[in-house]
Amino acid sequence: MRETLMEEVLSIILIISLITSVIVLIRKRKKAGVTGMKSTLTSICFYLIAVTNLAAYWFGFLGIFNWILTIILLFAGAYFTKYLTPAAA
């Protein structure tokens, strides 16, 4: 009983933090005047890693498929960092 409650609380915290971070990302992009899809791909890949791992945990497919998808998304996110705009000093 106690373990399932903890799992539910942690899942809710993760969902709330993901939604909050997406809102903050959108606001920062608007404030900086950054447009376009290419500069958002890194963030999308990293958010998809979190969503994939949460779904894998919920539905019980924590295995090689989840690991491969996570690594592919991690490499894709790293690759798309070349489209990020440099921060102004």
PDB file of N, CA and C in Angstrom:
ATOM      1  N   MET A   1       0.820  -1.194   0.000  1.00  0.00           N
ATOM      2  CA  MET A   1       0.000   0.000   0.000  1.00  0.00           C
ATOM      3  C   MET A   1       0.860   1.253   0.000  1.00  0.00           C
ATOM      4  N   ARG A   2       1.856   1.259   0.873  1.00  0.00           N
ATOM      5  CA  ARG A   2       2.702   2.441   1.000  1.00  0.00           C
ATOM      6  C   ARG A   2       3.558   2.668  -0.242  1.00  0.00           C
ATOM      7  N   GLU A   3       4.019   1.566  -0.866  1.00  0.00           N
ATOM      8  CA  GLU A   3       4.849   1.689  -2.065  1.00  0.00           C
ATOM      9  C   GLU A   3       4.052   2.260  -3.229  1.00  0.00           C
ATOM     10  N   THR A   4       2.822   1.838  -3.390  1.00  0.00           N
ATOM     11  CA  THR A   4       2.013   2.350  -4.501  1.00  0.00           C
ATOM     12  C   THR A   4       1.678   3.817  -4.302  1.00  0.00           C
ATOM     13  N   LEU A   5       1.476   4.223  -3.064  1.00  0.00           N
ATOM     14  CA  LEU A   5       1.220   5.638  -2.786  1.00  0.00           C
ATOM     15  C   LEU A   5       2.435   6.477  -3.154  1.00  0.00           C
ATOM     16  N   MET A   6       3.618   5.986  -2.802  1.00  0.00           N
ATOM     17  CA  MET A   6       4.848   6.706  -3.117  1.00  0.00           C
ATOM     18  C   MET A   6       5.057   6.787  -4.628  1.00  0.00           C
ATOM     19  N   GLU A   7       4.755   5.706  -5.335  1.00  0.00           N
ATOM     20  CA  GLU A   7       4.891   5.702  -6.787  1.00  0.00           C
ATOM     21  C   GLU A   7       3.938   6.706  -7.423  1.00  0.00           C
ATOM     22  N   GLU A   8       2.717   6.780  -6.921  1.00  0.00           N
ATOM     23  CA  GLU A   8       1.749   7.725  -7.460  1.00  0.00           C
ATOM     24  C   GLU A   8       2.165   9.168  -7.178  1.00  0.00           C
ATOM     25  N   VAL A   9       2.659   9.426  -5.982  1.00  0.00           N
ATOM     26  CA  VAL A   9       3.097  10.777  -5.621  1.00  0.00           C
ATOM     27  C   VAL A   9       4.268  11.201  -6.492  1.00  0.00           C
ATOM     28  N   LEU A  10       5.235  10.317  -6.699  1.00  0.00           N
ATOM     29  CA  LEU A  10       6.384  10.651  -7.538  1.00  0.00           C
ATOM     30  C   LEU A  10       5.972  10.865  -8.994  1.00  0.00           C
ATOM     31  N   SER A  11       5.031  10.088  -9.482  1.00  0.00           N
ATOM     32  CA  SER A  11       4.543  10.274 -10.846  1.00  0.00           C
ATOM     33  C   SER A  11       3.839  11.619 -10.985  1.00  0.00           C
ATOM     34  N   ILE A  12       3.041  11.987 -10.005  1.00  0.00           N
ATOM     35  CA  ILE A  12       2.348  13.274 -10.043  1.00  0.00           C
ATOM     36  C   ILE A  12       3.346  14.419  -9.990  1.00  0.00           C
ATOM     37  N   ILE A  13       4.369  14.288  -9.147  1.00  0.00           N
ATOM     38  CA  ILE A  13       5.397  15.330  -9.069  1.00  0.00           C
ATOM     39  C   ILE A  13       6.117  15.473 -10.400  1.00  0.00           C
ATOM     40  N   LEU A  14       6.434  14.353 -11.049  1.00  0.00           N
ATOM     41  CA  LEU A  14       7.104  14.401 -12.355  1.00  0.00           C
ATOM     42  C   LEU A  14       6.229  15.065 -13.401  1.00  0.00           C
ATOM     43  N   ILE A  15       4.957  14.737 -13.422  1.00  0.00           N
ATOM     44  CA  ILE A  15       4.044  15.334 -14.402  1.00  0.00           C
ATOM     45  C   ILE A  15       3.920  16.835 -14.177  1.00  0.00           C
ATOM     46  N   ILE A  16       3.779  17.247 -12.927  1.00  0.00           N
ATOM     47  CA  ILE A  16       3.668  18.681 -12.619  1.00  0.00           C
ATOM     48  C   ILE A  16       4.952  19.412 -12.999  1.00  0.00           C
ATOM     49  N   SER A  17       6.099  18.811 -12.702  1.00  0.00           N
ATOM     50  CA  SER A  17       7.360  19.474 -13.045  1.00  0.00           C
ATOM     51  C   SER A  17       7.570  19.544 -14.552  1.00  0.00           C
ATOM     52  N   LEU A  18       7.137  18.534 -15.296  1.00  0.00           N
ATOM     53  CA  LEU A  18       7.246  18.579 -16.756  1.00  0.00           C
ATOM     54  C   LEU A  18       6.376  19.686 -17.336  1.00  0.00           C
ATOM     55  N   ILE A  19       5.149  19.779 -16.869  1.00  0.00           N
ATOM     56  CA  ILE A  19       4.246  20.822 -17.364  1.00  0.00           C
ATOM     57  C   ILE A  19       4.793  22.205 -17.023  1.00  0.00           C
ATOM     58  N   THR A  20       5.289  22.362 -15.800  1.00  0.00           N
ATOM     59  CA  THR A  20       5.857  23.643 -15.377  1.00  0.00           C
ATOM     60  C   THR A  20       7.074  24.012 -16.218  1.00  0.00           C
ATOM     61  N   SER A  21       7.944  23.049 -16.471  1.00  0.00           N
ATOM     62  CA  SER A  21       9.147  23.362 -17.241  1.00  0.00           C
ATOM     63  C   SER A  21       8.825  23.682 -18.701  1.00  0.00           C
ATOM     64  N   VAL A  22       7.784  23.062 -19.267  1.00  0.00           N
ATOM     65  CA  VAL A  22       7.371  23.400 -20.632  1.00  0.00           C
ATOM     66  C   VAL A  22       6.856  24.836 -20.675  1.00  0.00           C
ATOM     67  N   ILE A  23       6.073  25.216 -19.682  1.00  0.00           N
ATOM     68  CA  ILE A  23       5.556  26.591 -19.624  1.00  0.00           C
ATOM     69  C   ILE A  23       6.699  27.588 -19.488  1.00  0.00           C
ATOM     70  N   VAL A  24       7.664  27.287 -18.627  1.00  0.00           N
ATOM     71  CA  VAL A  24       8.814  28.182 -18.455  1.00  0.00           C
ATOM     72  C   VAL A  24       9.633  28.273 -19.739  1.00  0.00           C
ATOM     73  N   LEU A  25       9.815  27.146 -20.421  1.00  0.00           N
ATOM     74  CA  LEU A  25      10.554  27.145 -21.681  1.00  0.00           C
ATOM     75  C   LEU A  25       9.868  28.017 -22.722  1.00  0.00           C
ATOM     76  N   ILE A  26       8.565  27.889 -22.839  1.00  0.00           N
ATOM     77  CA  ILE A  26       7.822  28.691 -23.822  1.00  0.00           C
ATOM     78  C   ILE A  26       7.939  30.174 -23.499  1.00  0.00           C
ATOM     79  N   ARG A  27       7.798  30.533 -22.233  1.00  0.00           N
ATOM     80  CA  ARG A  27       7.906  31.945 -21.837  1.00  0.00           C
ATOM     81  C   ARG A  27       9.288  32.505 -22.104  1.00  0.00           C
ATOM     82  N   LYS A  28      10.331  31.730 -21.805  1.00  0.00           N
ATOM     83  CA  LYS A  28      11.696  32.205 -22.048  1.00  0.00           C
ATOM     84  C   LYS A  28      11.962  32.374 -23.542  1.00  0.00           C
ATOM     85  N   ARG A  29      11.438  31.449 -24.360  1.00  0.00           N
ATOM     86  CA  ARG A  29      11.639  31.565 -25.803  1.00  0.00           C
ATOM     87  C   ARG A  29      10.939  32.804 -26.348  1.00  0.00           C
ATOM     88  N   LYS A  30       9.718  33.082 -25.856  1.00  0.00           N
ATOM     89  CA  LYS A  30       9.006  34.277 -26.304  1.00  0.00           C
ATOM     90  C   LYS A  30       9.712  35.544 -25.857  1.00  0.00           C
ATOM     91  N   LYS A  31      10.210  35.536 -24.629  1.00  0.00           N
ATOM     92  CA  LYS A  31      10.906  36.713 -24.102  1.00  0.00           C
ATOM     93  C   LYS A  31      12.197  36.992 -24.874  1.00  0.00           C
ATOM     94  N   ALA A  32      12.895  35.924 -25.255  1.00  0.00           N
ATOM     95  CA  ALA A  32      14.141  36.080 -25.999  1.00  0.00           C
ATOM     96  C   ALA A  32      13.900  36.303 -27.486  1.00  0.00           C
ATOM     97  N   GLY A  33      12.682  36.112 -27.944  1.00  0.00           N
ATOM     98  CA  GLY A  33      12.373  36.298 -29.357  1.00  0.00           C
ATOM     99  C   GLY A  33      12.854  35.157 -30.234  1.00  0.00           C
ATOM    100  N   VAL A  34      13.039  33.994 -29.654  1.00  0.00           N
ATOM    101  CA  VAL A  34      13.507  32.838 -30.411  1.00  0.00           C
ATOM    102  C   VAL A  34      12.301  32.188 -31.085  1.00  0.00           C
ATOM    103  N   THR A  35      12.423  31.969 -32.387  1.00  0.00           N
ATOM    104  CA  THR A  35      11.351  31.310 -33.134  1.00  0.00           C
ATOM    105  C   THR A  35      11.928  30.128 -33.889  1.00  0.00           C
ATOM    106  N   GLY A  36      11.063  29.339 -34.446  1.00  0.00           N
ATOM    107  CA  GLY A  36      11.512  28.204 -35.248  1.00  0.00           C
ATOM    108  C   GLY A  36      11.471  26.906 -34.470  1.00  0.00           C
ATOM    109  N   MET A  37      11.365  25.830 -35.209  1.00  0.00           N
ATOM    110  CA  MET A  37      11.243  24.504 -34.623  1.00  0.00           C
ATOM    111  C   MET A  37      12.601  23.868 -34.335  1.00  0.00           C
ATOM    112  N   LYS A  38      13.599  24.189 -35.131  1.00  0.00           N
ATOM    113  CA  LYS A  38      14.892  23.523 -34.977  1.00  0.00           C
ATOM    114  C   LYS A  38      15.518  23.770 -33.613  1.00  0.00           C
ATOM    115  N   SER A  39      15.377  24.979 -33.096  1.00  0.00           N
ATOM    116  CA  SER A  39      15.988  25.282 -31.800  1.00  0.00           C
ATOM    117  C   SER A  39      15.216  24.661 -30.639  1.00  0.00           C
ATOM    118  N   THR A  40      14.043  24.131 -30.905  1.00  0.00           N
ATOM    119  CA  THR A  40      13.240  23.499 -29.865  1.00  0.00           C
ATOM    120  C   THR A  40      13.454  21.984 -29.814  1.00  0.00           C
ATOM    121  N   LEU A  41      14.096  21.423 -30.826  1.00  0.00           N
ATOM    122  CA  LEU A  41      14.214  19.969 -30.925  1.00  0.00           C
ATOM    123  C   LEU A  41      14.986  19.348 -29.766  1.00  0.00           C
ATOM    124  N   THR A  42      15.994  20.020 -29.249  1.00  0.00           N
ATOM    125  CA  THR A  42      16.739  19.482 -28.114  1.00  0.00           C
ATOM    126  C   THR A  42      15.824  19.335 -26.906  1.00  0.00           C
ATOM    127  N   SER A  43      15.065  20.370 -26.605  1.00  0.00           N
ATOM    128  CA  SER A  43      14.150  20.304 -25.465  1.00  0.00           C
ATOM    129  C   SER A  43      13.087  19.237 -25.663  1.00  0.00           C
ATOM    130  N   ILE A  44      12.573  19.133 -26.875  1.00  0.00           N
ATOM    131  CA  ILE A  44      11.550  18.126 -27.159  1.00  0.00           C
ATOM    132  C   ILE A  44      12.105  16.719 -26.922  1.00  0.00           C
ATOM    133  N   CYS A  45      13.320  16.475 -27.371  1.00  0.00           N
ATOM    134  CA  CYS A  45      13.935  15.157 -27.166  1.00  0.00           C
ATOM    135  C   CYS A  45      14.088  14.851 -25.679  1.00  0.00           C
ATOM    136  N   PHE A  46      14.528  15.816 -24.914  1.00  0.00           N
ATOM    137  CA  PHE A  46      14.718  15.579 -23.486  1.00  0.00           C
ATOM    138  C   PHE A  46      13.388  15.406 -22.761  1.00  0.00           C
ATOM    139  N   TYR A  47      12.358  16.138 -23.161  1.00  0.00           N
ATOM    140  CA  TYR A  47      11.036  15.930 -22.571  1.00  0.00           C
ATOM    141  C   TYR A  47      10.499  14.553 -22.944  1.00  0.00           C
ATOM    142  N   LEU A  48      10.749  14.121 -24.173  1.00  0.00           N
ATOM    143  CA  LEU A  48      10.295  12.793 -24.587  1.00  0.00           C
ATOM    144  C   LEU A  48      10.998  11.679 -23.815  1.00  0.00           C
ATOM    145  N   ILE A  49      12.237  11.904 -23.405  1.00  0.00           N
ATOM    146  CA  ILE A  49      12.928  10.922 -22.567  1.00  0.00           C
ATOM    147  C   ILE A  49      12.173  10.748 -21.252  1.00  0.00           C
ATOM    148  N   ALA A  50      11.800  11.860 -20.639  1.00  0.00           N
ATOM    149  CA  ALA A  50      11.069  11.785 -19.374  1.00  0.00           C
ATOM    150  C   ALA A  50       9.714  11.106 -19.554  1.00  0.00           C
ATOM    151  N   VAL A  51       8.997  11.461 -20.612  1.00  0.00           N
ATOM    152  CA  VAL A  51       7.676  10.881 -20.859  1.00  0.00           C
ATOM    153  C   VAL A  51       7.806   9.388 -21.169  1.00  0.00           C
ATOM    154  N   THR A  52       8.794   9.016 -21.947  1.00  0.00           N
ATOM    155  CA  THR A  52       9.013   7.613 -22.289  1.00  0.00           C
ATOM    156  C   THR A  52       9.305   6.781 -21.052  1.00  0.00           C
ATOM    157  N   ASN A  53      10.181   7.287 -20.195  1.00  0.00           N
ATOM    158  CA  ASN A  53      10.525   6.534 -18.995  1.00  0.00           C
ATOM    159  C   ASN A  53       9.359   6.459 -18.015  1.00  0.00           C
ATOM    160  N   LEU A  54       8.572   7.510 -17.930  1.00  0.00           N
ATOM    161  CA  LEU A  54       7.398   7.471 -17.065  1.00  0.00           C
ATOM    162  C   LEU A  54       6.371   6.472 -17.595  1.00  0.00           C
ATOM    163  N   ALA A  55       6.128   6.488 -18.888  1.00  0.00           N
ATOM    164  CA  ALA A  55       5.193   5.535 -19.491  1.00  0.00           C
ATOM    165  C   ALA A  55       5.704   4.095 -19.336  1.00  0.00           C
ATOM    166  N   ALA A  56       7.000   3.916 -19.506  1.00  0.00           N
ATOM    167  CA  ALA A  56       7.577   2.579 -19.339  1.00  0.00           C
ATOM    168  C   ALA A  56       7.407   2.099 -17.906  1.00  0.00           C
ATOM    169  N   TYR A  57       7.553   2.986 -16.966  1.00  0.00           N
ATOM    170  CA  TYR A  57       7.370   2.619 -15.563  1.00  0.00           C
ATOM    171  C   TYR A  57       5.911   2.280 -15.270  1.00  0.00           C
ATOM    172  N   TRP A  58       4.991   3.089 -15.790  1.00  0.00           N
ATOM    173  CA  TRP A  58       3.568   2.848 -15.547  1.00  0.00           C
ATOM    174  C   TRP A  58       3.097   1.536 -16.156  1.00  0.00           C
ATOM    175  N   PHE A  59       3.507   1.282 -17.396  1.00  0.00           N
ATOM    176  CA  PHE A  59       2.985   0.128 -18.125  1.00  0.00           C
ATOM    177  C   PHE A  59       3.889  -1.101 -18.053  1.00  0.00           C
ATOM    178  N   GLY A  60       4.997  -0.983 -17.358  1.00  0.00           N
ATOM    179  CA  GLY A  60       5.839  -2.141 -17.096  1.00  0.00           C
ATOM    180  C   GLY A  60       6.673  -2.636 -18.253  1.00  0.00           C
ATOM    181  N   PHE A  61       7.056  -1.770 -19.177  1.00  0.00           N
ATOM    182  CA  PHE A  61       7.964  -2.225 -20.220  1.00  0.00           C
ATOM    183  C   PHE A  61       9.343  -1.600 -20.059  1.00  0.00           C
ATOM    184  N   LEU A  62       9.854  -1.704 -18.831  1.00  0.00           N
ATOM    185  CA  LEU A  62      11.224  -1.271 -18.556  1.00  0.00           C
ATOM    186  C   LEU A  62      12.146  -2.379 -19.048  1.00  0.00           C
ATOM    187  N   GLY A  63      12.684  -2.197 -20.193  1.00  0.00           N
ATOM    188  CA  GLY A  63      13.540  -3.219 -20.769  1.00  0.00           C
ATOM    189  C   GLY A  63      14.418  -2.628 -21.849  1.00  0.00           C
ATOM    190  N   ILE A  64      14.863  -3.482 -22.735  1.00  0.00           N
ATOM    191  CA  ILE A  64      15.803  -3.070 -23.769  1.00  0.00           C
ATOM    192  C   ILE A  64      15.179  -2.051 -24.713  1.00  0.00           C
ATOM    193  N   PHE A  65      13.882  -2.177 -25.004  1.00  0.00           N
ATOM    194  CA  PHE A  65      13.216  -1.222 -25.889  1.00  0.00           C
ATOM    195  C   PHE A  65      13.254   0.176 -25.290  1.00  0.00           C
ATOM    196  N   ASN A  66      12.971   0.272 -24.011  1.00  0.00           N
ATOM    197  CA  ASN A  66      12.996   1.566 -23.331  1.00  0.00           C
ATOM    198  C   ASN A  66      14.414   2.150 -23.319  1.00  0.00           C
ATOM    199  N   TRP A  67      15.395   1.320 -23.053  1.00  0.00           N
ATOM    200  CA  TRP A  67      16.785   1.796 -23.044  1.00  0.00           C
ATOM    201  C   TRP A  67      17.213   2.291 -24.426  1.00  0.00           C
ATOM    202  N   ILE A  68      16.881   1.544 -25.450  1.00  0.00           N
ATOM    203  CA  ILE A  68      17.265   1.937 -26.807  1.00  0.00           C
ATOM    204  C   ILE A  68      16.595   3.246 -27.197  1.00  0.00           C
ATOM    205  N   LEU A  69      15.311   3.380 -26.904  1.00  0.00           N
ATOM    206  CA  LEU A  69      14.598   4.613 -27.223  1.00  0.00           C
ATOM    207  C   LEU A  69      15.168   5.795 -26.449  1.00  0.00           C
ATOM    208  N   THR A  70      15.510   5.584 -25.192  1.00  0.00           N
ATOM    209  CA  THR A  70      16.102   6.649 -24.380  1.00  0.00           C
ATOM    210  C   THR A  70      17.449   7.089 -24.944  1.00  0.00           C
ATOM    211  N   ILE A  71      18.272   6.144 -25.339  1.00  0.00           N
ATOM    212  CA  ILE A  71      19.593   6.476 -25.889  1.00  0.00           C
ATOM    213  C   ILE A  71      19.461   7.176 -27.237  1.00  0.00           C
ATOM    214  N   ILE A  72      18.524   6.729 -28.065  1.00  0.00           N
ATOM    215  CA  ILE A  72      18.300   7.393 -29.358  1.00  0.00           C
ATOM    216  C   ILE A  72      17.862   8.840 -29.138  1.00  0.00           C
ATOM    217  N   LEU A  73      16.925   9.053 -28.212  1.00  0.00           N
ATOM    218  CA  LEU A  73      16.469  10.416 -27.931  1.00  0.00           C
ATOM    219  C   LEU A  73      17.586  11.266 -27.326  1.00  0.00           C
ATOM    220  N   LEU A  74      18.423  10.671 -26.501  1.00  0.00           N
ATOM    221  CA  LEU A  74      19.549  11.407 -25.920  1.00  0.00           C
ATOM    222  C   LEU A  74      20.532  11.839 -27.000  1.00  0.00           C
ATOM    223  N   PHE A  75      20.870  10.940 -27.907  1.00  0.00           N
ATOM    224  CA  PHE A  75      21.760  11.296 -29.009  1.00  0.00           C
ATOM    225  C   PHE A  75      21.129  12.331 -29.932  1.00  0.00           C
ATOM    226  N   ALA A  76      19.841  12.188 -30.195  1.00  0.00           N
ATOM    227  CA  ALA A  76      19.148  13.160 -31.047  1.00  0.00           C
ATOM    228  C   ALA A  76      19.154  14.536 -30.386  1.00  0.00           C
ATOM    229  N   GLY A  77      18.893  14.581 -29.082  1.00  0.00           N
ATOM    230  CA  GLY A  77      18.932  15.853 -28.356  1.00  0.00           C
ATOM    231  C   GLY A  77      20.315  16.477 -28.392  1.00  0.00           C
ATOM    232  N   ALA A  78      21.334  15.657 -28.257  1.00  0.00           N
ATOM    233  CA  ALA A  78      22.707  16.175 -28.315  1.00  0.00           C
ATOM    234  C   ALA A  78      23.026  16.672 -29.723  1.00  0.00           C
ATOM    235  N   TYR A  79      22.545  15.974 -30.735  1.00  0.00           N
ATOM    236  CA  TYR A  79      22.792  16.387 -32.107  1.00  0.00           C
ATOM    237  C   TYR A  79      22.135  17.736 -32.408  1.00  0.00           C
ATOM    238  N   PHE A  80      20.920  17.924 -31.933  1.00  0.00           N
ATOM    239  CA  PHE A  80      20.181  19.143 -32.242  1.00  0.00           C
ATOM    240  C   PHE A  80      20.641  20.357 -31.442  1.00  0.00           C
ATOM    241  N   THR A  81      21.599  20.183 -30.542  1.00  0.00           N
ATOM    242  CA  THR A  81      22.121  21.352 -29.826  1.00  0.00           C
ATOM    243  C   THR A  81      22.824  22.315 -30.774  1.00  0.00           C
ATOM    244  N   LYS A  82      23.210  21.856 -31.940  1.00  0.00           N
ATOM    245  CA  LYS A  82      23.867  22.757 -32.889  1.00  0.00           C
ATOM    246  C   LYS A  82      22.913  23.821 -33.414  1.00  0.00           C
ATOM    247  N   TYR A  83      21.608  23.604 -33.265  1.00  0.00           N
ATOM    248  CA  TYR A  83      20.639  24.598 -33.709  1.00  0.00           C
ATOM    249  C   TYR A  83      20.262  25.612 -32.625  1.00  0.00           C
ATOM    250  N   LEU A  84      20.759  25.410 -31.410  1.00  0.00           N
ATOM    251  CA  LEU A  84      20.459  26.360 -30.333  1.00  0.00           C
ATOM    252  C   LEU A  84      21.170  27.679 -30.587  1.00  0.00           C
ATOM    253  N   THR A  85      20.510  28.767 -30.251  1.00  0.00           N
ATOM    254  CA  THR A  85      21.134  30.073 -30.406  1.00  0.00           C
ATOM    255  C   THR A  85      22.029  30.332 -29.203  1.00  0.00           C
ATOM    256  N   PRO A  86      23.200  30.922 -29.434  1.00  0.00           N
ATOM    257  CA  PRO A  86      24.094  31.205 -28.305  1.00  0.00           C
ATOM    258  C   PRO A  86      23.493  32.262 -27.389  1.00  0.00           C
ATOM    259  N   ALA A  87      23.757  32.119 -26.117  1.00  0.00           N
ATOM    260  CA  ALA A  87      23.233  33.087 -25.130  1.00  0.00           C
ATOM    261  C   ALA A  87      24.004  34.383 -25.238  1.00  0.00           C
ATOM    262  N   ALA A  88      23.271  35.494 -25.112  1.00  0.00           N
ATOM    263  CA  ALA A  88      23.906  36.804 -25.149  1.00  0.00           C
ATOM    264  C   ALA A  88      24.580  37.071 -23.815  1.00  0.00           C
ATOM    265  N   ALA A  89      25.763  37.627 -23.869  1.00  0.00           N
ATOM    266  CA  ALA A  89      26.511  37.883 -22.622  1.00  0.00           C
ATOM    267  C   ALA A  89      26.055  39.150 -21.949  1.00  0.00           C
TER     268      ALA A  89
END
